[in-house]
Amino acid sequence: MGDVLRLAVEQCDMSARLDECRAVELWSSVAGDYIASRCRRPVMSKGVMTVGVANAALRHELSMSRSSIARAINSLLGRKVVADIRFTG
């Protein structure tokens, strides 16, 4: 069954989308529960993670750390999935 599923994912070219879903799931563990609880759930599209943050000061602080956050997520995934992170109000 696992081989059939893996083959279907490869043939439908869904592996990139699955990696993006994994990146979204890793957001809270990388950012930490406190930060994640003050952000909206991330959305991934074409390698860019978008995270809604209502607090302007927190949004600025996260923007300054976006490359290290992306590196941490990519490291956990074992490959570059998150090319950039955008924090929006």
N, C-alpha and C. Protein backbone atom coordinates (compact mmCIF):
# COMPACT_ATOMS: atom_id res chain seq x y z
N MET A 1 0.82 -1.20 0.00
CA MET A 1 0.00 0.00 0.00
C MET A 1 0.87 1.26 0.00
N GLY A 2 1.95 1.26 0.80
CA GLY A 2 2.83 2.43 0.86
C GLY A 2 3.49 2.72 -0.47
N ASP A 3 3.88 1.67 -1.20
CA ASP A 3 4.51 1.86 -2.51
C ASP A 3 3.53 2.44 -3.51
N VAL A 4 2.29 2.01 -3.43
CA VAL A 4 1.26 2.52 -4.34
C VAL A 4 1.01 4.00 -4.07
N LEU A 5 0.94 4.36 -2.80
CA LEU A 5 0.71 5.76 -2.44
C LEU A 5 1.90 6.62 -2.87
N ARG A 6 3.12 6.17 -2.62
CA ARG A 6 4.32 6.92 -3.01
C ARG A 6 4.34 7.12 -4.52
N LEU A 7 4.02 6.07 -5.28
CA LEU A 7 3.99 6.16 -6.74
C LEU A 7 2.94 7.16 -7.20
N ALA A 8 1.78 7.14 -6.57
CA ALA A 8 0.71 8.09 -6.94
C ALA A 8 1.13 9.52 -6.67
N VAL A 9 1.78 9.75 -5.54
CA VAL A 9 2.25 11.10 -5.19
C VAL A 9 3.27 11.57 -6.21
N GLU A 10 4.20 10.69 -6.59
CA GLU A 10 5.23 11.06 -7.55
C GLU A 10 4.63 11.33 -8.93
N GLN A 11 3.69 10.50 -9.35
CA GLN A 11 3.11 10.66 -10.68
C GLN A 11 2.24 11.92 -10.76
N CYS A 12 1.62 12.28 -9.68
CA CYS A 12 0.77 13.49 -9.68
C CYS A 12 1.57 14.73 -9.30
N ASP A 13 2.90 14.56 -9.09
CA ASP A 13 3.78 15.66 -8.72
C ASP A 13 3.26 16.41 -7.49
N MET A 14 2.84 15.65 -6.49
CA MET A 14 2.31 16.22 -5.26
C MET A 14 3.36 16.34 -4.16
N SER A 15 4.57 15.90 -4.41
CA SER A 15 5.58 15.90 -3.36
C SER A 15 5.91 17.32 -2.89
N ALA A 16 5.96 18.28 -3.79
CA ALA A 16 6.25 19.66 -3.40
C ALA A 16 5.14 20.20 -2.50
N ARG A 17 3.90 19.90 -2.84
CA ARG A 17 2.78 20.38 -2.02
C ARG A 17 2.78 19.70 -0.65
N LEU A 18 3.12 18.43 -0.59
CA LEU A 18 3.21 17.73 0.69
C LEU A 18 4.32 18.32 1.55
N ASP A 19 5.44 18.67 0.94
CA ASP A 19 6.52 19.32 1.68
C ASP A 19 6.07 20.66 2.24
N GLU A 20 5.30 21.41 1.47
CA GLU A 20 4.78 22.69 1.96
C GLU A 20 3.84 22.49 3.13
N CYS A 21 3.02 21.44 3.08
CA CYS A 21 2.12 21.13 4.20
C CYS A 21 2.93 20.76 5.44
N ARG A 22 4.00 20.02 5.26
CA ARG A 22 4.87 19.67 6.39
C ARG A 22 5.51 20.93 6.98
N ALA A 23 5.91 21.86 6.13
CA ALA A 23 6.51 23.12 6.60
C ALA A 23 5.52 23.90 7.46
N VAL A 24 4.27 23.96 7.03
CA VAL A 24 3.23 24.64 7.81
C VAL A 24 3.07 23.98 9.17
N GLU A 25 3.09 22.66 9.19
CA GLU A 25 2.94 21.94 10.45
C GLU A 25 4.12 22.18 11.38
N LEU A 26 5.30 22.44 10.84
CA LEU A 26 6.50 22.67 11.66
C LEU A 26 6.57 24.09 12.23
N TRP A 27 5.76 25.01 11.70
CA TRP A 27 5.82 26.41 12.11
C TRP A 27 5.75 26.57 13.63
N SER A 28 4.77 25.97 14.28
CA SER A 28 4.59 26.20 15.71
C SER A 28 5.76 25.64 16.53
N SER A 29 6.33 24.52 16.11
CA SER A 29 7.45 23.97 16.88
C SER A 29 8.72 24.82 16.69
N VAL A 30 8.90 25.40 15.53
CA VAL A 30 10.07 26.24 15.28
C VAL A 30 9.88 27.62 15.93
N ALA A 31 8.70 28.21 15.76
CA ALA A 31 8.44 29.54 16.32
C ALA A 31 8.23 29.48 17.83
N GLY A 32 7.75 28.35 18.33
CA GLY A 32 7.42 28.22 19.75
C GLY A 32 5.93 28.44 19.96
N ASP A 33 5.41 27.80 20.97
CA ASP A 33 3.96 27.87 21.22
C ASP A 33 3.48 29.28 21.50
N TYR A 34 4.26 30.06 22.24
CA TYR A 34 3.85 31.42 22.59
C TYR A 34 3.69 32.28 21.34
N ILE A 35 4.71 32.27 20.48
CA ILE A 35 4.67 33.06 19.25
C ILE A 35 3.57 32.53 18.33
N ALA A 36 3.53 31.22 18.15
CA ALA A 36 2.54 30.62 17.25
C ALA A 36 1.12 30.95 17.68
N SER A 37 0.88 31.05 18.98
CA SER A 37 -0.47 31.34 19.47
C SER A 37 -0.89 32.78 19.16
N ARG A 38 0.08 33.63 18.83
CA ARG A 38 -0.22 35.03 18.50
C ARG A 38 -0.20 35.30 17.00
N CYS A 39 -0.12 34.22 16.23
CA CYS A 39 -0.10 34.32 14.77
C CYS A 39 -1.23 33.48 14.19
N ARG A 40 -1.65 33.85 12.99
CA ARG A 40 -2.59 33.01 12.27
C ARG A 40 -1.84 31.83 11.65
N ARG A 41 -2.56 30.81 11.31
CA ARG A 41 -1.95 29.62 10.70
C ARG A 41 -1.27 30.03 9.39
N PRO A 42 -0.03 29.60 9.19
CA PRO A 42 0.69 29.95 7.96
C PRO A 42 0.03 29.33 6.72
N VAL A 43 0.29 29.97 5.60
CA VAL A 43 -0.15 29.48 4.30
C VAL A 43 1.10 29.42 3.42
N MET A 44 1.26 28.34 2.68
CA MET A 44 2.41 28.20 1.78
C MET A 44 1.94 28.24 0.33
N SER A 45 2.70 28.93 -0.49
CA SER A 45 2.43 28.97 -1.93
C SER A 45 3.75 29.22 -2.65
N LYS A 46 4.13 28.29 -3.49
CA LYS A 46 5.32 28.42 -4.33
C LYS A 46 6.57 28.76 -3.52
N GLY A 47 6.73 28.10 -2.37
CA GLY A 47 7.92 28.29 -1.56
C GLY A 47 7.90 29.47 -0.62
N VAL A 48 6.81 30.22 -0.61
CA VAL A 48 6.71 31.39 0.26
C VAL A 48 5.67 31.11 1.35
N MET A 49 6.12 31.19 2.60
CA MET A 49 5.22 31.02 3.73
C MET A 49 4.71 32.40 4.14
N THR A 50 3.40 32.54 4.26
CA THR A 50 2.79 33.79 4.70
C THR A 50 2.14 33.55 6.05
N VAL A 51 2.50 34.38 7.03
CA VAL A 51 1.99 34.24 8.39
C VAL A 51 1.35 35.56 8.79
N GLY A 52 0.11 35.51 9.22
CA GLY A 52 -0.58 36.70 9.70
C GLY A 52 -0.22 36.98 11.16
N VAL A 53 0.19 38.22 11.42
CA VAL A 53 0.55 38.63 12.78
C VAL A 53 -0.09 39.98 13.03
N ALA A 54 -1.03 40.05 13.97
CA ALA A 54 -1.77 41.29 14.22
C ALA A 54 -0.90 42.34 14.92
N ASN A 55 -0.02 41.92 15.82
CA ASN A 55 0.80 42.84 16.59
C ASN A 55 1.98 43.34 15.75
N ALA A 56 2.05 44.65 15.53
CA ALA A 56 3.07 45.23 14.66
C ALA A 56 4.49 45.00 15.19
N ALA A 57 4.68 45.10 16.50
CA ALA A 57 6.02 44.90 17.07
C ALA A 57 6.48 43.45 16.87
N LEU A 58 5.58 42.51 17.10
CA LEU A 58 5.92 41.10 16.91
C LEU A 58 6.17 40.82 15.43
N ARG A 59 5.35 41.42 14.57
CA ARG A 59 5.53 41.24 13.12
C ARG A 59 6.91 41.72 12.68
N HIS A 60 7.34 42.87 13.21
CA HIS A 60 8.67 43.41 12.88
C HIS A 60 9.76 42.47 13.39
N GLU A 61 9.64 42.01 14.62
CA GLU A 61 10.65 41.11 15.20
C GLU A 61 10.76 39.82 14.40
N LEU A 62 9.63 39.26 14.02
CA LEU A 62 9.64 38.03 13.21
C LEU A 62 10.23 38.28 11.83
N SER A 63 9.94 39.43 11.25
CA SER A 63 10.50 39.77 9.94
C SER A 63 12.02 39.81 9.98
N MET A 64 12.55 40.30 11.09
CA MET A 64 14.00 40.37 11.24
C MET A 64 14.62 38.97 11.38
N SER A 65 13.82 38.01 11.80
CA SER A 65 14.32 36.64 12.02
C SER A 65 13.86 35.66 10.95
N ARG A 66 13.26 36.16 9.89
CA ARG A 66 12.63 35.26 8.92
C ARG A 66 13.60 34.29 8.25
N SER A 67 14.81 34.73 7.97
CA SER A 67 15.75 33.82 7.30
C SER A 67 16.17 32.68 8.23
N SER A 68 16.37 32.97 9.51
CA SER A 68 16.75 31.90 10.44
C SER A 68 15.59 30.96 10.70
N ILE A 69 14.37 31.46 10.70
CA ILE A 69 13.19 30.61 10.86
C ILE A 69 13.06 29.69 9.64
N ALA A 70 13.23 30.25 8.46
CA ALA A 70 13.15 29.43 7.23
C ALA A 70 14.24 28.36 7.23
N ARG A 71 15.45 28.72 7.64
CA ARG A 71 16.54 27.74 7.71
C ARG A 71 16.20 26.60 8.67
N ALA A 72 15.62 26.95 9.82
CA ALA A 72 15.27 25.93 10.81
C ALA A 72 14.22 24.97 10.27
N ILE A 73 13.21 25.50 9.61
CA ILE A 73 12.16 24.65 9.03
C ILE A 73 12.76 23.76 7.94
N ASN A 74 13.55 24.36 7.06
CA ASN A 74 14.18 23.59 5.97
C ASN A 74 15.10 22.51 6.52
N SER A 75 15.80 22.82 7.60
CA SER A 75 16.69 21.83 8.21
C SER A 75 15.90 20.63 8.72
N LEU A 76 14.76 20.89 9.35
CA LEU A 76 13.92 19.79 9.83
C LEU A 76 13.34 18.96 8.69
N LEU A 77 13.09 19.61 7.57
CA LEU A 77 12.54 18.92 6.40
C LEU A 77 13.63 18.20 5.60
N GLY A 78 14.86 18.60 5.78
CA GLY A 78 15.96 17.97 5.06
C GLY A 78 16.17 18.48 3.65
N ARG A 79 15.47 19.54 3.30
CA ARG A 79 15.65 20.17 1.99
C ARG A 79 15.01 21.55 1.99
N LYS A 80 15.35 22.36 0.99
CA LYS A 80 14.82 23.73 0.94
C LYS A 80 13.39 23.71 0.40
N VAL A 81 12.47 23.98 1.29
CA VAL A 81 11.05 24.05 0.94
C VAL A 81 10.57 25.50 1.08
N VAL A 82 11.01 26.15 2.16
CA VAL A 82 10.62 27.54 2.44
C VAL A 82 11.72 28.46 1.91
N ALA A 83 11.41 29.17 0.83
CA ALA A 83 12.37 30.11 0.24
C ALA A 83 12.32 31.46 0.95
N ASP A 84 11.14 31.83 1.43
CA ASP A 84 10.97 33.11 2.12
C ASP A 84 9.76 33.02 3.03
N ILE A 85 9.72 33.90 4.02
CA ILE A 85 8.57 34.01 4.91
C ILE A 85 8.13 35.46 4.91
N ARG A 86 6.84 35.67 4.75
CA ARG A 86 6.26 37.02 4.78
C ARG A 86 5.31 37.09 5.96
N PHE A 87 5.43 38.16 6.73
CA PHE A 87 4.55 38.37 7.87
C PHE A 87 3.63 39.54 7.54
N THR A 88 2.34 39.29 7.60
CA THR A 88 1.35 40.30 7.21
C THR A 88 0.49 40.67 8.42
N GLY A 89 -0.14 41.83 8.30
CA GLY A 89 -1.02 42.30 9.39
C GLY A 89 -2.35 41.72 9.24
